[in-house]
Protein backbone atom coordinates (compact mmCIF):
# COMPACT_ATOMS: atom_id res chain seq x y z
CA MET A 1 -44.20 -5.68 -154.97
CA LEU A 2 -46.99 -4.19 -152.88
CA SER A 3 -44.59 -3.31 -150.05
CA ASP A 4 -45.24 -0.57 -147.56
CA VAL A 5 -41.50 0.14 -147.28
CA LEU A 6 -40.06 -0.43 -150.77
CA ILE A 7 -40.79 1.39 -153.99
CA PRO A 8 -41.03 -0.72 -157.14
CA LEU A 9 -37.48 -1.81 -157.96
CA LEU A 10 -36.82 -2.02 -161.68
CA ASP A 11 -34.05 -4.22 -163.08
CA PRO A 12 -31.64 -1.99 -165.05
CA ARG A 13 -30.35 -5.03 -166.96
CA ARG A 14 -33.73 -5.77 -168.55
CA PRO A 15 -35.59 -3.76 -171.22
CA ASP A 16 -38.94 -2.02 -170.63
CA GLN A 17 -39.12 -2.62 -166.91
CA VAL A 18 -41.77 0.09 -166.53
CA GLY A 19 -44.04 -1.78 -168.94
CA ALA A 20 -43.24 -5.13 -167.35
CA TYR A 21 -44.06 -3.77 -163.90
CA GLU A 22 -47.34 -2.31 -165.18
CA THR A 23 -48.30 -5.67 -166.64
CA ALA A 24 -47.43 -7.45 -163.40
CA LEU A 25 -49.47 -4.95 -161.37
CA ASP A 26 -52.45 -5.46 -163.67
CA ARG A 27 -52.21 -9.21 -163.11
CA LEU A 28 -51.85 -8.76 -159.36
CA GLY A 29 -54.86 -6.44 -159.44
CA GLU A 30 -57.04 -9.34 -160.50
CA ALA A 31 -55.74 -11.49 -157.64
CA VAL A 32 -56.01 -8.70 -155.06
CA LYS A 33 -59.77 -8.63 -155.61
CA HIS A 34 -59.93 -12.10 -154.04
CA VAL A 35 -57.62 -11.79 -151.03
CA ASP A 36 -58.13 -10.56 -147.48
CA VAL A 37 -54.47 -10.61 -146.40
CA LEU A 38 -51.25 -9.84 -148.28
CA VAL A 39 -47.81 -10.97 -147.13
CA PRO A 40 -45.26 -8.98 -149.18
CA GLY A 41 -41.66 -10.02 -149.64
CA HIS A 42 -40.60 -6.92 -147.66
CA GLY A 43 -42.57 -4.85 -145.19
CA ALA A 44 -45.62 -5.38 -143.04
CA VAL A 45 -48.55 -7.68 -143.69
CA ALA A 46 -51.56 -5.86 -145.16
CA ALA A 47 -55.20 -6.69 -144.53
CA GLY A 48 -58.54 -5.53 -145.88
CA PRO A 49 -58.47 -2.18 -147.70
CA GLU A 50 -54.72 -1.81 -147.15
CA VAL A 51 -54.14 -4.50 -149.80
CA ALA A 52 -55.82 -2.38 -152.49
CA ALA A 53 -54.06 0.74 -151.17
CA ARG A 54 -50.68 -0.91 -151.70
CA LEU A 55 -51.60 -1.86 -155.24
CA ALA A 56 -52.73 1.73 -155.86
CA ALA A 57 -49.44 3.10 -154.42
CA ASP A 58 -47.34 0.93 -156.73
CA HIS A 59 -49.54 1.89 -159.70
CA ALA A 60 -49.23 5.59 -158.86
CA TYR A 61 -45.43 5.32 -158.62
CA ILE A 62 -45.15 3.53 -161.98
CA ASP A 63 -47.69 5.89 -163.61
CA ALA A 64 -45.64 8.90 -162.50
CA LEU A 65 -42.47 7.34 -163.95
CA ARG A 66 -44.31 6.70 -167.22
CA ARG A 67 -45.39 10.37 -167.39
CA GLY A 68 -41.85 11.55 -166.64
CA ASP A 69 -42.87 12.95 -163.25
CA ASP A 70 -41.10 12.46 -159.96
CA PRO A 71 -43.55 10.36 -157.92
CA ALA A 72 -44.97 11.73 -154.70
CA ASP A 73 -44.56 8.60 -152.59
CA ALA A 74 -44.14 8.40 -148.82
CA ARG A 75 -41.80 5.42 -149.22
CA LEU A 76 -39.26 7.78 -150.80
CA GLY A 77 -38.70 9.37 -147.38
CA GLN A 78 -36.12 6.67 -146.71
CA ASP A 79 -32.72 8.01 -147.79
CA TRP A 80 -31.39 4.60 -148.86
CA LEU A 81 -34.04 4.42 -151.61
CA ALA A 82 -32.65 7.51 -153.37
CA GLY A 83 -30.27 5.44 -155.52
CA PRO A 84 -32.82 2.84 -156.65
CA HIS A 85 -35.35 5.61 -157.27
CA GLN A 86 -32.87 7.54 -159.44
CA SER A 87 -32.19 4.35 -161.41
CA ASN A 88 -35.95 3.91 -161.93
CA LEU A 89 -36.26 7.50 -163.17
CA GLU A 90 -33.40 7.02 -165.64
CA GLN A 91 -34.84 3.76 -166.94
CA ALA A 92 -38.22 5.37 -167.48
CA ARG A 93 -36.65 8.30 -169.35
CA HIS A 94 -34.68 5.99 -171.64
CA ALA A 95 -37.74 3.82 -172.30
CA SER A 96 -39.83 6.84 -173.36
CA GLY A 97 -37.09 8.69 -175.23
């Protein structure tokens, strides 16, 4: 979560991953208000306003999935994320349909 290189990765084996991710982001949002530096599991360290920007990027990606839109996200420029992104799109469609 909150990576500059990875999109949110939803677990296809678990139900309502879009909702679970939204809940987790909301909880992280409270913590992010109190941190100056973020060390994500993958990607570069973020400091200052970049921390909130990462939270906003993950929220925007999940919000687009929830609406049924294809997210406009710079992290999707990496070809190897096409498969996980497609899986996320399919999960979101099944959750809403």
